[in-house]
Structure formats: C-alpha cells, structure tokens
C-alpha cells in the first residue's frame, strides 16, 4: 500500500521529517527560502497533506490544483493568508498551532519595546563606528517605569505582553471588544479604556490583533495623529494593521518618536494590492525605527514543538480523525 504524500513548503527540523516518514512519503524543502508558487504547486498537486508556513498563500486556485489534499497543517497562529472558506468548500482541514507561539511572540514584543525606546540599535551602530570614546550625554531614550503602555487586542499574546510589561512598573491600559474579568484585570494591572482613550494616553502603543477587514489599516493617519506626540508604535501582529506610509509621514513630522516592527505589509499575501517591499523611507530612517525579520516565534525548541504539533494534526487527518488545532469544520 502506498504511503500518503506530505509536502513541506519550508525547511523543518530533520527529526520532524523522520517522524513524518514513519507514516508518509515526505517531500521536503531542504533550503531556507520560499519556493516559487509554481514549484510548490507541482510538488503538491498529488499531495494528501501540506505543512504550510507564514509565507504561503492558500486560496481557491491553489486548492483546485491540489484535489487530493485532506489537510493543511499551518505552523503558525495567525491564518489570514489562508482562505478558510475555500478550504471548507474543498473538504480540506485547516489547522494552526494556537498556543505555542504566545510566549516567544510576547518576549520579542518586549524586546522591540526596549530596542526602540532605549535606542539600542543606534547605540550598537555607534560602538561599531569606532567613534565611541566612553560615556557621553547622547542617545537619551524613554524609560518604561511609570510610563503607559496601551495594548490593542487582549488575546493570549496581549495578556502575555501585559504580564511581562507589568514587571517594568508600567501603567497598562487595553482596548478590546471583550472585557477581561475584573480579577484578571487586577492580576495583570490592566485598565480597560476606549481605543481613542488608549491613543490619547499611551506612551507606547502595541497592537496585537489579527488582520481582518475591521483591523486593516486601523493605525492610519487619523489614529496616528491621535497618539501622543513623542509616543512609540510597536507592531508584532500583522503588517497591514498599520498603514506604513502613514507611519513614514508621522515619523517625518516628529509626531511619532519611533516605530518598531516584526511584521510588514508586504507579508500579507492574501491582499491582492499588498506592497511588494517595505517603504524605502522606513528602511532609510534608521534613527527612528527598529525592525526584526518576523522573529516572533523564532525560538528553536518552540519551532520544533510547532512542527511536531502539525505532524500530529496531519497524522490525525490522514487517519480520518478530527485534527488538533482545526479552524474549520468539514463534512
């Protein structure tokens, strides 16, 4: 009996490939780069399962070209690049790893906050320039103690970020459609406010939202203008929650003091009008920006566990069971 075929769209750890090979024929991607869509489709056209990653865009056309697919196990949490309705119509399970990315993403978010507010990247460049001759009254930044951080969207990552920022002695406010129970607000030191109130009062604003029609460019020119002069915006959720060109303008006007991001509009593949690159003006503004290349879950042992979780979901679906982490229901 032929084994089912599993295609891995991106590099995974060798031990995960060996685990998959116990029950399946595995087509791996040995390189670290994203395959061209036509190459991936050629590999996946007769596949039974797909382990997919953030750069993949799964849409109606992709699913039509891969009629044998039973499951797409996505090694991620935010699945806005995947057409859930199309998966359901084609009888394909879509699964995610809902909790494993929470803590590493929260840790990186705090790192972005510290990096941009304390001028760490500028300081590093200054040291490497050979001009450092000891302490000087330079690169004064913003301390976190006693400052107000506003978290927009208080899901698992939002709560994990709040828990960590509380340790810095910050005042924490949040905006969300759903209120936390009072005891949890007290435990995390959080106060619920309106979105406008959060923009008005926060020294650091941290969106932690999925990308939807409602959150697309939530941080536009109007929202940025509402933020306190000299405040910081830190984006570790989805690039298109922020209008990057509006950020460019706000930085140029010195209204925003800084912008830190781990995610960018160019990554939101499901958008037909997505930018194909990060705005040049953002990349050139090294004094007011701090960027990382989507490192939210880039912790080695965490990535292994995410891949292992996806493997379990694949095996369950191939065995005719309901897979862990499903985001849709199929007949």
C-alpha atoms as a PDB file:
ATOM      1  CA  UNK A   1       0.000   0.000   0.000  1.00  0.00           C
ATOM      2  CA  UNK A   2       1.367   3.400  -0.987  1.00  0.00           C
ATOM      3  CA  UNK A   3       2.036   5.838   1.785  1.00  0.00           C
ATOM      4  CA  UNK A   4       0.203   9.198   1.717  1.00  0.00           C
ATOM      5  CA  UNK A   5       2.240  12.098   0.376  1.00  0.00           C
ATOM      6  CA  UNK A   6       3.096  15.020   2.655  1.00  0.00           C
ATOM      7  CA  UNK A   7       4.659  18.178   1.235  1.00  0.00           C
ATOM      8  CA  UNK A   8       6.602  20.582   3.456  1.00  0.00           C
ATOM      9  CA  UNK A   9       6.547  24.083   1.992  1.00  0.00           C
ATOM     10  CA  UNK A  10       9.532  25.300   4.031  1.00  0.00           C
ATOM     11  CA  UNK A  11      12.505  23.931   5.953  1.00  0.00           C
ATOM     12  CA  UNK A  12      11.708  21.906   9.061  1.00  0.00           C
ATOM     13  CA  UNK A  13      13.929  20.132  11.567  1.00  0.00           C
ATOM     14  CA  UNK A  14      15.343  16.780  10.386  1.00  0.00           C
ATOM     15  CA  UNK A  15      13.807  14.882  13.318  1.00  0.00           C
ATOM     16  CA  UNK A  16      10.355  16.032  12.228  1.00  0.00           C
ATOM     17  CA  UNK A  17      10.974  14.765   8.694  1.00  0.00           C
ATOM     18  CA  UNK A  18      11.975  11.392  10.116  1.00  0.00           C
ATOM     19  CA  UNK A  19       8.838  11.341  12.256  1.00  0.00           C
ATOM     20  CA  UNK A  20       6.664  12.035   9.220  1.00  0.00           C
ATOM     21  CA  UNK A  21       8.437   9.346   7.187  1.00  0.00           C
ATOM     22  CA  UNK A  22       7.198   6.707   9.600  1.00  0.00           C
ATOM     23  CA  UNK A  23       3.754   7.043   8.016  1.00  0.00           C
ATOM     24  CA  UNK A  24       4.153   9.104   4.851  1.00  0.00           C
ATOM     25  CA  UNK A  25       6.163   9.857   1.764  1.00  0.00           C
ATOM     26  CA  UNK A  26       7.716  13.233   2.538  1.00  0.00           C
ATOM     27  CA  UNK A  27       8.655  15.905   0.020  1.00  0.00           C
ATOM     28  CA  UNK A  28      10.794  18.347   1.965  1.00  0.00           C
ATOM     29  CA  UNK A  29      12.147  21.786   1.197  1.00  0.00           C
ATOM     30  CA  UNK A  30      15.833  21.481   2.130  1.00  0.00           C
ATOM     31  CA  UNK A  31      16.513  25.179   1.609  1.00  0.00           C
ATOM     32  CA  UNK A  32      15.576  28.149   3.764  1.00  0.00           C
ATOM     33  CA  UNK A  33      13.857  30.130   1.021  1.00  0.00           C
ATOM     34  CA  UNK A  34      10.246  30.204  -0.087  1.00  0.00           C
ATOM     35  CA  UNK A  35       9.628  28.132  -3.197  1.00  0.00           C
ATOM     36  CA  UNK A  36       8.067  29.820  -6.233  1.00  0.00           C
ATOM     37  CA  UNK A  37       4.335  29.143  -6.285  1.00  0.00           C
ATOM     38  CA  UNK A  38       4.548  27.118  -9.499  1.00  0.00           C
ATOM     39  CA  UNK A  39       7.213  24.844  -7.981  1.00  0.00           C
ATOM     40  CA  UNK A  40       5.160  24.312  -4.836  1.00  0.00           C
ATOM     41  CA  UNK A  41       2.046  23.539  -6.872  1.00  0.00           C
ATOM     42  CA  UNK A  42       3.948  20.973  -8.925  1.00  0.00           C
ATOM     43  CA  UNK A  43       5.044  19.255  -5.726  1.00  0.00           C
ATOM     44  CA  UNK A  44       1.627  19.469  -4.067  1.00  0.00           C
ATOM     45  CA  UNK A  45      -0.673  18.591  -6.972  1.00  0.00           C
ATOM     46  CA  UNK A  46      -0.973  14.966  -5.805  1.00  0.00           C
ATOM     47  CA  UNK A  47      -0.290  15.533  -2.106  1.00  0.00           C
ATOM     48  CA  UNK A  48      -2.522  14.282   0.686  1.00  0.00           C
ATOM     49  CA  UNK A  49      -1.230  16.760   3.260  1.00  0.00           C
ATOM     50  CA  UNK A  50       0.654  20.024   3.392  1.00  0.00           C
ATOM     51  CA  UNK A  51       2.656  21.548   6.230  1.00  0.00           C
ATOM     52  CA  UNK A  52       2.470  25.249   5.464  1.00  0.00           C
ATOM     53  CA  UNK A  53       4.099  28.375   6.866  1.00  0.00           C
ATOM     54  CA  UNK A  54       3.674  32.130   7.070  1.00  0.00           C
ATOM     55  CA  UNK A  55       4.828  32.996   3.505  1.00  0.00           C
ATOM     56  CA  UNK A  56       2.311  30.611   1.924  1.00  0.00           C
ATOM     57  CA  UNK A  57      -0.917  31.847   0.371  1.00  0.00           C
ATOM     58  CA  UNK A  58      -3.575  29.160   0.133  1.00  0.00           C
ATOM     59  CA  UNK A  59      -6.507  30.259  -1.998  1.00  0.00           C
ATOM     60  CA  UNK A  60      -9.184  28.809  -4.262  1.00  0.00           C
ATOM     61  CA  UNK A  61      -6.818  28.388  -7.200  1.00  0.00           C
ATOM     62  CA  UNK A  62      -4.256  26.535  -5.090  1.00  0.00           C
ATOM     63  CA  UNK A  63      -6.872  24.139  -3.720  1.00  0.00           C
ATOM     64  CA  UNK A  64      -8.316  23.427  -7.168  1.00  0.00           C
ATOM     65  CA  UNK A  65      -4.853  22.432  -8.338  1.00  0.00           C
ATOM     66  CA  UNK A  66      -4.402  20.020  -5.403  1.00  0.00           C
ATOM     67  CA  UNK A  67      -7.546  17.852  -5.379  1.00  0.00           C
ATOM     68  CA  UNK A  68      -6.175  15.117  -3.104  1.00  0.00           C
ATOM     69  CA  UNK A  69      -5.422  17.380  -0.153  1.00  0.00           C
ATOM     70  CA  UNK A  70      -7.035  16.326   3.110  1.00  0.00           C
ATOM     71  CA  UNK A  71      -5.297  18.737   5.457  1.00  0.00           C
ATOM     72  CA  UNK A  72      -3.182  21.878   5.501  1.00  0.00           C
ATOM     73  CA  UNK A  73      -1.369  21.991   8.824  1.00  0.00           C
ATOM     74  CA  UNK A  74      -0.179  25.576   9.200  1.00  0.00           C
ATOM     75  CA  UNK A  75       2.794  26.090  11.500  1.00  0.00           C
ATOM     76  CA  UNK A  76       1.516  29.438  12.718  1.00  0.00           C
ATOM     77  CA  UNK A  77      -1.184  31.159  14.732  1.00  0.00           C
ATOM     78  CA  UNK A  78      -2.465  33.990  12.513  1.00  0.00           C
ATOM     79  CA  UNK A  79      -4.011  32.392   9.422  1.00  0.00           C
ATOM     80  CA  UNK A  80      -5.110  35.445   7.425  1.00  0.00           C
ATOM     81  CA  UNK A  81      -3.069  34.274   4.409  1.00  0.00           C
ATOM     82  CA  UNK A  82      -5.261  31.158   4.187  1.00  0.00           C
ATOM     83  CA  UNK A  83      -8.755  31.129   2.688  1.00  0.00           C
ATOM     84  CA  UNK A  84     -10.686  29.195   5.327  1.00  0.00           C
ATOM     85  CA  UNK A  85     -13.951  29.155   3.377  1.00  0.00           C
ATOM     86  CA  UNK A  86     -12.199  27.762   0.302  1.00  0.00           C
ATOM     87  CA  UNK A  87     -10.601  25.028   2.413  1.00  0.00           C
ATOM     88  CA  UNK A  88     -14.007  24.104   3.794  1.00  0.00           C
ATOM     89  CA  UNK A  89     -15.591  24.022   0.337  1.00  0.00           C
ATOM     90  CA  UNK A  90     -12.866  21.665  -0.863  1.00  0.00           C
ATOM     91  CA  UNK A  91     -13.185  19.411   2.181  1.00  0.00           C
ATOM     92  CA  UNK A  92      -9.698  20.281   3.434  1.00  0.00           C
ATOM     93  CA  UNK A  93      -8.934  20.651   7.117  1.00  0.00           C
ATOM     94  CA  UNK A  94      -7.009  23.806   8.044  1.00  0.00           C
ATOM     95  CA  UNK A  95      -5.184  23.604  11.347  1.00  0.00           C
ATOM     96  CA  UNK A  96      -2.964  26.013  13.247  1.00  0.00           C
ATOM     97  CA  UNK A  97      -0.757  25.875  16.353  1.00  0.00           C
ATOM     98  CA  UNK A  98      -2.817  28.188  18.564  1.00  0.00           C
ATOM     99  CA  UNK A  99      -0.819  28.458  21.804  1.00  0.00           C
ATOM    100  CA  UNK A 100       2.804  27.550  21.131  1.00  0.00           C
ATOM    101  CA  UNK A 101       3.680  30.940  19.639  1.00  0.00           C
ATOM    102  CA  UNK A 102       2.298  33.022  22.512  1.00  0.00           C
ATOM    103  CA  UNK A 103       5.269  33.292  24.856  1.00  0.00           C
ATOM    104  CA  UNK A 104       8.030  33.755  22.233  1.00  0.00           C
ATOM    105  CA  UNK A 105       5.951  36.415  20.457  1.00  0.00           C
ATOM    106  CA  UNK A 106       5.368  38.224  23.741  1.00  0.00           C
ATOM    107  CA  UNK A 107       9.081  38.087  24.538  1.00  0.00           C
ATOM    108  CA  UNK A 108      10.006  39.536  21.166  1.00  0.00           C
ATOM    109  CA  UNK A 109       7.395  42.277  21.540  1.00  0.00           C
ATOM    110  CA  UNK A 110       9.009  43.373  24.790  1.00  0.00           C
ATOM    111  CA  UNK A 111      12.368  43.267  23.030  1.00  0.00           C
ATOM    112  CA  UNK A 112      11.030  45.602  20.343  1.00  0.00           C
ATOM    113  CA  UNK A 113       9.732  47.961  23.020  1.00  0.00           C
ATOM    114  CA  UNK A 114      13.130  48.105  24.705  1.00  0.00           C
ATOM    115  CA  UNK A 115      15.034  48.300  21.440  1.00  0.00           C
ATOM    116  CA  UNK A 116      13.152  51.313  20.087  1.00  0.00           C
ATOM    117  CA  UNK A 117      12.680  53.254  23.314  1.00  0.00           C
ATOM    118  CA  UNK A 118      16.283  52.882  24.523  1.00  0.00           C
ATOM    119  CA  UNK A 119      17.983  53.454  21.140  1.00  0.00           C
ATOM    120  CA  UNK A 120      19.727  50.094  21.289  1.00  0.00           C
ATOM    121  CA  UNK A 121      20.308  49.736  17.563  1.00  0.00           C
ATOM    122  CA  UNK A 122      21.631  53.291  17.288  1.00  0.00           C
ATOM    123  CA  UNK A 123      23.927  52.565  20.221  1.00  0.00           C
ATOM    124  CA  UNK A 124      25.203  49.394  18.590  1.00  0.00           C
ATOM    125  CA  UNK A 125      25.970  51.265  15.371  1.00  0.00           C
ATOM    126  CA  UNK A 126      27.748  53.985  17.328  1.00  0.00           C
ATOM    127  CA  UNK A 127      30.009  51.451  19.052  1.00  0.00           C
ATOM    128  CA  UNK A 128      30.868  49.741  15.752  1.00  0.00           C
ATOM    129  CA  UNK A 129      31.623  53.053  14.032  1.00  0.00           C
ATOM    130  CA  UNK A 130      34.796  53.416  16.087  1.00  0.00           C
ATOM    131  CA  UNK A 131      33.675  56.791  17.442  1.00  0.00           C
ATOM    132  CA  UNK A 132      32.813  55.591  20.953  1.00  0.00           C
ATOM    133  CA  UNK A 133      35.223  57.083  23.489  1.00  0.00           C
ATOM    134  CA  UNK A 134      33.290  56.428  26.681  1.00  0.00           C
ATOM    135  CA  UNK A 135      30.088  57.808  28.163  1.00  0.00           C
ATOM    136  CA  UNK A 136      28.634  60.947  26.623  1.00  0.00           C
ATOM    137  CA  UNK A 137      25.244  62.645  27.150  1.00  0.00           C
ATOM    138  CA  UNK A 138      23.831  61.039  23.995  1.00  0.00           C
ATOM    139  CA  UNK A 139      21.031  58.778  22.818  1.00  0.00           C
ATOM    140  CA  UNK A 140      18.735  59.560  25.712  1.00  0.00           C
ATOM    141  CA  UNK A 141      15.595  57.483  25.318  1.00  0.00           C
ATOM    142  CA  UNK A 142      12.385  56.673  27.139  1.00  0.00           C
ATOM    143  CA  UNK A 143      12.371  54.665  30.350  1.00  0.00           C
ATOM    144  CA  UNK A 144       9.493  52.278  30.899  1.00  0.00           C
ATOM    145  CA  UNK A 145       8.922  52.752  34.632  1.00  0.00           C
ATOM    146  CA  UNK A 146       5.830  54.846  35.273  1.00  0.00           C
ATOM    147  CA  UNK A 147       5.025  55.134  31.548  1.00  0.00           C
ATOM    148  CA  UNK A 148       1.762  53.982  29.990  1.00  0.00           C
ATOM    149  CA  UNK A 149       1.601  51.120  27.531  1.00  0.00           C
ATOM    150  CA  UNK A 150      -1.595  50.628  25.564  1.00  0.00           C
ATOM    151  CA  UNK A 151      -2.325  47.127  24.252  1.00  0.00           C
ATOM    152  CA  UNK A 152      -4.887  46.918  21.457  1.00  0.00           C
ATOM    153  CA  UNK A 153      -6.332  43.406  21.398  1.00  0.00           C
ATOM    154  CA  UNK A 154      -6.061  41.325  24.535  1.00  0.00           C
ATOM    155  CA  UNK A 155      -5.889  37.748  23.364  1.00  0.00           C
ATOM    156  CA  UNK A 156      -3.311  35.262  24.587  1.00  0.00           C
ATOM    157  CA  UNK A 157      -0.365  37.280  23.270  1.00  0.00           C
ATOM    158  CA  UNK A 158      -1.779  40.544  24.627  1.00  0.00           C
ATOM    159  CA  UNK A 159      -2.105  39.069  28.087  1.00  0.00           C
ATOM    160  CA  UNK A 160       1.397  37.597  27.916  1.00  0.00           C
ATOM    161  CA  UNK A 161       2.803  41.002  26.916  1.00  0.00           C
ATOM    162  CA  UNK A 162       0.911  42.707  29.747  1.00  0.00           C
ATOM    163  CA  UNK A 163       2.270  40.186  32.239  1.00  0.00           C
ATOM    164  CA  UNK A 164       5.818  40.970  31.172  1.00  0.00           C
ATOM    165  CA  UNK A 165       5.460  44.753  30.974  1.00  0.00           C
ATOM    166  CA  UNK A 166       3.913  44.833  34.429  1.00  0.00           C
ATOM    167  CA  UNK A 167       7.314  43.838  35.777  1.00  0.00           C
ATOM    168  CA  UNK A 168       8.754  47.119  34.458  1.00  0.00           C
ATOM    169  CA  UNK A 169       6.390  49.136  36.653  1.00  0.00           C
ATOM    170  CA  UNK A 170       4.345  50.417  33.717  1.00  0.00           C
ATOM    171  CA  UNK A 171       0.764  51.631  33.744  1.00  0.00           C
ATOM    172  CA  UNK A 172      -1.124  49.246  31.479  1.00  0.00           C
ATOM    173  CA  UNK A 173      -4.307  50.015  29.577  1.00  0.00           C
ATOM    174  CA  UNK A 174      -6.064  47.939  26.960  1.00  0.00           C
ATOM    175  CA  UNK A 175      -8.731  48.204  24.303  1.00  0.00           C
ATOM    176  CA  UNK A 176     -10.755  45.176  23.236  1.00  0.00           C
ATOM    177  CA  UNK A 177     -14.335  44.322  22.328  1.00  0.00           C
ATOM    178  CA  UNK A 178     -14.384  41.819  25.194  1.00  0.00           C
ATOM    179  CA  UNK A 179     -13.555  42.822  28.749  1.00  0.00           C
ATOM    180  CA  UNK A 180     -11.354  40.698  30.955  1.00  0.00           C
ATOM    181  CA  UNK A 181     -12.872  39.505  34.219  1.00  0.00           C
ATOM    182  CA  UNK A 182     -12.142  42.080  36.971  1.00  0.00           C
ATOM    183  CA  UNK A 183      -9.888  39.685  38.883  1.00  0.00           C
ATOM    184  CA  UNK A 184      -7.748  39.085  35.781  1.00  0.00           C
ATOM    185  CA  UNK A 185      -7.537  42.833  35.108  1.00  0.00           C
ATOM    186  CA  UNK A 186      -6.323  43.304  38.666  1.00  0.00           C
ATOM    187  CA  UNK A 187      -3.829  40.461  38.429  1.00  0.00           C
ATOM    188  CA  UNK A 188      -2.296  41.875  35.231  1.00  0.00           C
ATOM    189  CA  UNK A 189      -2.558  45.506  36.340  1.00  0.00           C
ATOM    190  CA  UNK A 190      -4.757  46.377  33.356  1.00  0.00           C
ATOM    191  CA  UNK A 191      -7.396  49.054  32.915  1.00  0.00           C
ATOM    192  CA  UNK A 192      -9.836  48.899  30.022  1.00  0.00           C
ATOM    193  CA  UNK A 193     -10.284  52.105  28.010  1.00  0.00           C
ATOM    194  CA  UNK A 194     -11.720  53.048  24.648  1.00  0.00           C
ATOM    195  CA  UNK A 195      -9.495  52.860  21.584  1.00  0.00           C
ATOM    196  CA  UNK A 196      -9.445  56.661  21.417  1.00  0.00           C
ATOM    197  CA  UNK A 197      -8.664  56.885  25.102  1.00  0.00           C
ATOM    198  CA  UNK A 198      -5.792  54.450  24.659  1.00  0.00           C
ATOM    199  CA  UNK A 199      -4.301  56.510  21.823  1.00  0.00           C
ATOM    200  CA  UNK A 200      -4.640  59.693  23.860  1.00  0.00           C
ATOM    201  CA  UNK A 201      -2.944  58.339  26.984  1.00  0.00           C
ATOM    202  CA  UNK A 202      -0.289  55.831  25.916  1.00  0.00           C
ATOM    203  CA  UNK A 203       3.425  56.457  25.604  1.00  0.00           C
ATOM    204  CA  UNK A 204       3.794  53.123  23.792  1.00  0.00           C
ATOM    205  CA  UNK A 205       1.005  51.588  21.707  1.00  0.00           C
ATOM    206  CA  UNK A 206       1.116  47.872  20.936  1.00  0.00           C
ATOM    207  CA  UNK A 207      -1.444  46.396  18.512  1.00  0.00           C
ATOM    208  CA  UNK A 208      -1.859  42.643  18.926  1.00  0.00           C
ATOM    209  CA  UNK A 209      -4.682  41.931  16.516  1.00  0.00           C
ATOM    210  CA  UNK A 210      -5.452  39.530  13.681  1.00  0.00           C
ATOM    211  CA  UNK A 211      -5.732  41.004  10.192  1.00  0.00           C
ATOM    212  CA  UNK A 212      -9.391  41.374   9.247  1.00  0.00           C
ATOM    213  CA  UNK A 213     -11.458  43.843   7.259  1.00  0.00           C
ATOM    214  CA  UNK A 214     -12.028  45.745  10.505  1.00  0.00           C
ATOM    215  CA  UNK A 215      -8.376  45.879  11.553  1.00  0.00           C
ATOM    216  CA  UNK A 216      -6.877  46.618   8.123  1.00  0.00           C
ATOM    217  CA  UNK A 217      -5.011  49.961   8.463  1.00  0.00           C
ATOM    218  CA  UNK A 218      -6.554  50.508  11.883  1.00  0.00           C
ATOM    219  CA  UNK A 219      -3.474  52.605  12.539  1.00  0.00           C
ATOM    220  CA  UNK A 220      -3.949  55.092   9.735  1.00  0.00           C
ATOM    221  CA  UNK A 221      -3.175  58.818   9.592  1.00  0.00           C
ATOM    222  CA  UNK A 222      -6.080  59.680  11.845  1.00  0.00           C
ATOM    223  CA  UNK A 223      -5.184  57.135  14.504  1.00  0.00           C
ATOM    224  CA  UNK A 224      -1.509  58.115  14.469  1.00  0.00           C
ATOM    225  CA  UNK A 225      -2.464  61.776  14.808  1.00  0.00           C
ATOM    226  CA  UNK A 226      -4.466  60.877  17.922  1.00  0.00           C
ATOM    227  CA  UNK A 227      -1.436  59.312  19.571  1.00  0.00           C
ATOM    228  CA  UNK A 228       0.578  61.408  21.990  1.00  0.00           C
ATOM    229  CA  UNK A 229       3.348  63.458  20.421  1.00  0.00           C
ATOM    230  CA  UNK A 230       6.593  61.658  21.137  1.00  0.00           C
ATOM    231  CA  UNK A 231       4.964  58.247  21.583  1.00  0.00           C
ATOM    232  CA  UNK A 232       6.045  54.935  20.070  1.00  0.00           C
ATOM    233  CA  UNK A 233       4.201  52.337  17.985  1.00  0.00           C
ATOM    234  CA  UNK A 234       5.291  48.692  18.228  1.00  0.00           C
ATOM    235  CA  UNK A 235       3.812  46.176  15.769  1.00  0.00           C
ATOM    236  CA  UNK A 236       4.300  42.448  16.256  1.00  0.00           C
ATOM    237  CA  UNK A 237       0.938  41.211  14.949  1.00  0.00           C
ATOM    238  CA  UNK A 238       0.282  41.821  11.232  1.00  0.00           C
ATOM    239  CA  UNK A 239       1.877  44.395   8.960  1.00  0.00           C
ATOM    240  CA  UNK A 240      -1.344  45.642   7.389  1.00  0.00           C
ATOM    241  CA  UNK A 241      -2.881  46.536  10.741  1.00  0.00           C
ATOM    242  CA  UNK A 242      -0.611  49.574  10.308  1.00  0.00           C
ATOM    243  CA  UNK A 243      -0.521  51.918   7.321  1.00  0.00           C
ATOM    244  CA  UNK A 244       3.232  52.052   6.791  1.00  0.00           C
ATOM    245  CA  UNK A 245       3.123  55.173   4.629  1.00  0.00           C
ATOM    246  CA  UNK A 246       1.173  56.953   7.371  1.00  0.00           C
ATOM    247  CA  UNK A 247       3.927  55.916   9.779  1.00  0.00           C
ATOM    248  CA  UNK A 248       6.534  57.405   7.430  1.00  0.00           C
ATOM    249  CA  UNK A 249       4.691  60.742   7.487  1.00  0.00           C
ATOM    250  CA  UNK A 250       4.245  60.726  11.259  1.00  0.00           C
ATOM    251  CA  UNK A 251       7.927  59.995  11.845  1.00  0.00           C
ATOM    252  CA  UNK A 252       8.953  62.736   9.430  1.00  0.00           C
ATOM    253  CA  UNK A 253       6.761  65.210  11.304  1.00  0.00           C
ATOM    254  CA  UNK A 254       8.308  64.031  14.588  1.00  0.00           C
ATOM    255  CA  UNK A 255       4.867  63.242  15.933  1.00  0.00           C
ATOM    256  CA  UNK A 256       5.739  59.585  16.415  1.00  0.00           C
ATOM    257  CA  UNK A 257       9.059  59.233  18.187  1.00  0.00           C
ATOM    258  CA  UNK A 258       9.638  55.760  16.836  1.00  0.00           C
ATOM    259  CA  UNK A 259       8.236  52.702  15.107  1.00  0.00           C
ATOM    260  CA  UNK A 260       9.321  49.125  15.811  1.00  0.00           C
ATOM    261  CA  UNK A 261       8.004  46.162  13.857  1.00  0.00           C
ATOM    262  CA  UNK A 262       8.488  42.451  13.357  1.00  0.00           C
ATOM    263  CA  UNK A 263       5.843  42.292  10.620  1.00  0.00           C
ATOM    264  CA  UNK A 264       5.261  44.202   7.391  1.00  0.00           C
ATOM    265  CA  UNK A 265       2.524  44.875   4.873  1.00  0.00           C
ATOM    266  CA  UNK A 266       4.493  43.105   2.136  1.00  0.00           C
ATOM    267  CA  UNK A 267       3.980  39.798   4.011  1.00  0.00           C
ATOM    268  CA  UNK A 268       0.199  39.844   3.836  1.00  0.00           C
ATOM    269  CA  UNK A 269      -0.022  37.640   0.750  1.00  0.00           C
ATOM    270  CA  UNK A 270      -3.788  37.358   0.724  1.00  0.00           C
ATOM    271  CA  UNK A 271      -4.032  41.081  -0.155  1.00  0.00           C
ATOM    272  CA  UNK A 272      -4.124  41.452  -3.953  1.00  0.00           C
ATOM    273  CA  UNK A 273      -2.826  45.017  -3.538  1.00  0.00           C
ATOM    274  CA  UNK A 274      -0.139  44.266  -0.986  1.00  0.00           C
ATOM    275  CA  UNK A 275       3.080  46.278  -1.313  1.00  0.00           C
ATOM    276  CA  UNK A 276       5.952  44.241  -2.702  1.00  0.00           C
ATOM    277  CA  UNK A 277       8.513  45.812  -0.401  1.00  0.00           C
ATOM    278  CA  UNK A 278       8.912  47.794   2.803  1.00  0.00           C
ATOM    279  CA  UNK A 279       8.754  51.535   2.077  1.00  0.00           C
ATOM    280  CA  UNK A 280      12.229  52.861   1.314  1.00  0.00           C
ATOM    281  CA  UNK A 281      11.648  55.818   3.611  1.00  0.00           C
ATOM    282  CA  UNK A 282      11.099  53.458   6.541  1.00  0.00           C
ATOM    283  CA  UNK A 283      14.232  51.453   5.783  1.00  0.00           C
ATOM    284  CA  UNK A 284      16.338  54.588   5.478  1.00  0.00           C
ATOM    285  CA  UNK A 285      15.064  56.098   8.734  1.00  0.00           C
ATOM    286  CA  UNK A 286      17.447  54.231  10.996  1.00  0.00           C
ATOM    287  CA  UNK A 287      17.231  56.787  13.815  1.00  0.00           C
ATOM    288  CA  UNK A 288      13.510  56.275  14.478  1.00  0.00           C
ATOM    289  CA  UNK A 289      12.889  52.639  13.575  1.00  0.00           C
ATOM    290  CA  UNK A 290      13.818  49.200  14.842  1.00  0.00           C
ATOM    291  CA  UNK A 291      12.950  46.159  12.704  1.00  0.00           C
ATOM    292  CA  UNK A 292      13.259  42.396  13.008  1.00  0.00           C
ATOM    293  CA  UNK A 293      12.510  39.874  10.215  1.00  0.00           C
ATOM    294  CA  UNK A 294       9.351  38.212  11.603  1.00  0.00           C
ATOM    295  CA  UNK A 295      11.154  36.573  14.512  1.00  0.00           C
ATOM    296  CA  UNK A 296       8.092  36.316  16.759  1.00  0.00           C
ATOM    297  CA  UNK A 297       8.265  32.542  17.151  1.00  0.00           C
ATOM    298  CA  UNK A 298      11.883  32.068  16.062  1.00  0.00           C
ATOM    299  CA  UNK A 299      12.920  30.046  19.101  1.00  0.00           C
ATOM    300  CA  UNK A 300      14.442  26.739  18.081  1.00  0.00           C
ATOM    301  CA  UNK A 301      12.783  24.418  20.580  1.00  0.00           C
ATOM    302  CA  UNK A 302       9.459  26.192  20.112  1.00  0.00           C
ATOM    303  CA  UNK A 303       9.635  25.734  16.335  1.00  0.00           C
ATOM    304  CA  UNK A 304      10.296  22.016  16.820  1.00  0.00           C
ATOM    305  CA  UNK A 305       7.205  21.747  19.012  1.00  0.00           C
ATOM    306  CA  UNK A 306       5.127  23.640  16.438  1.00  0.00           C
ATOM    307  CA  UNK A 307       6.283  21.257  13.704  1.00  0.00           C
ATOM    308  CA  UNK A 308       5.589  18.280  15.963  1.00  0.00           C
ATOM    309  CA  UNK A 309       2.089  19.630  16.657  1.00  0.00           C
ATOM    310  CA  UNK A 310       1.475  19.993  12.910  1.00  0.00           C
ATOM    311  CA  UNK A 311       2.702  16.436  12.380  1.00  0.00           C
ATOM    312  CA  UNK A 312       0.174  15.116  14.903  1.00  0.00           C
ATOM    313  CA  UNK A 313      -2.587  17.058  13.136  1.00  0.00           C
ATOM    314  CA  UNK A 314      -1.537  15.577   9.782  1.00  0.00           C
ATOM    315  CA  UNK A 315      -1.497  12.020  11.119  1.00  0.00           C
ATOM    316  CA  UNK A 316      -4.922  12.518  12.720  1.00  0.00           C
ATOM    317  CA  UNK A 317      -6.471  13.816   9.497  1.00  0.00           C
ATOM    318  CA  UNK A 318      -4.898  11.056   7.401  1.00  0.00           C
ATOM    319  CA  UNK A 319      -6.357   8.535   9.856  1.00  0.00           C
ATOM    320  CA  UNK A 320      -9.825  10.016   9.330  1.00  0.00           C
ATOM    321  CA  UNK A 321      -9.899  11.752  12.727  1.00  0.00           C
ATOM    322  CA  UNK A 322     -10.632  15.359  13.614  1.00  0.00           C
ATOM    323  CA  UNK A 323      -7.216  17.037  13.805  1.00  0.00           C
ATOM    324  CA  UNK A 324      -5.924  19.144  16.655  1.00  0.00           C
ATOM    325  CA  UNK A 325      -5.888  22.885  16.052  1.00  0.00           C
ATOM    326  CA  UNK A 326      -8.641  22.878  13.437  1.00  0.00           C
ATOM    327  CA  UNK A 327     -10.095  26.236  12.424  1.00  0.00           C
ATOM    328  CA  UNK A 328     -12.802  24.862  10.125  1.00  0.00           C
ATOM    329  CA  UNK A 329     -15.311  22.039  10.052  1.00  0.00           C
ATOM    330  CA  UNK A 330     -15.711  19.738   7.088  1.00  0.00           C
ATOM    331  CA  UNK A 331     -18.282  17.055   6.346  1.00  0.00           C
END
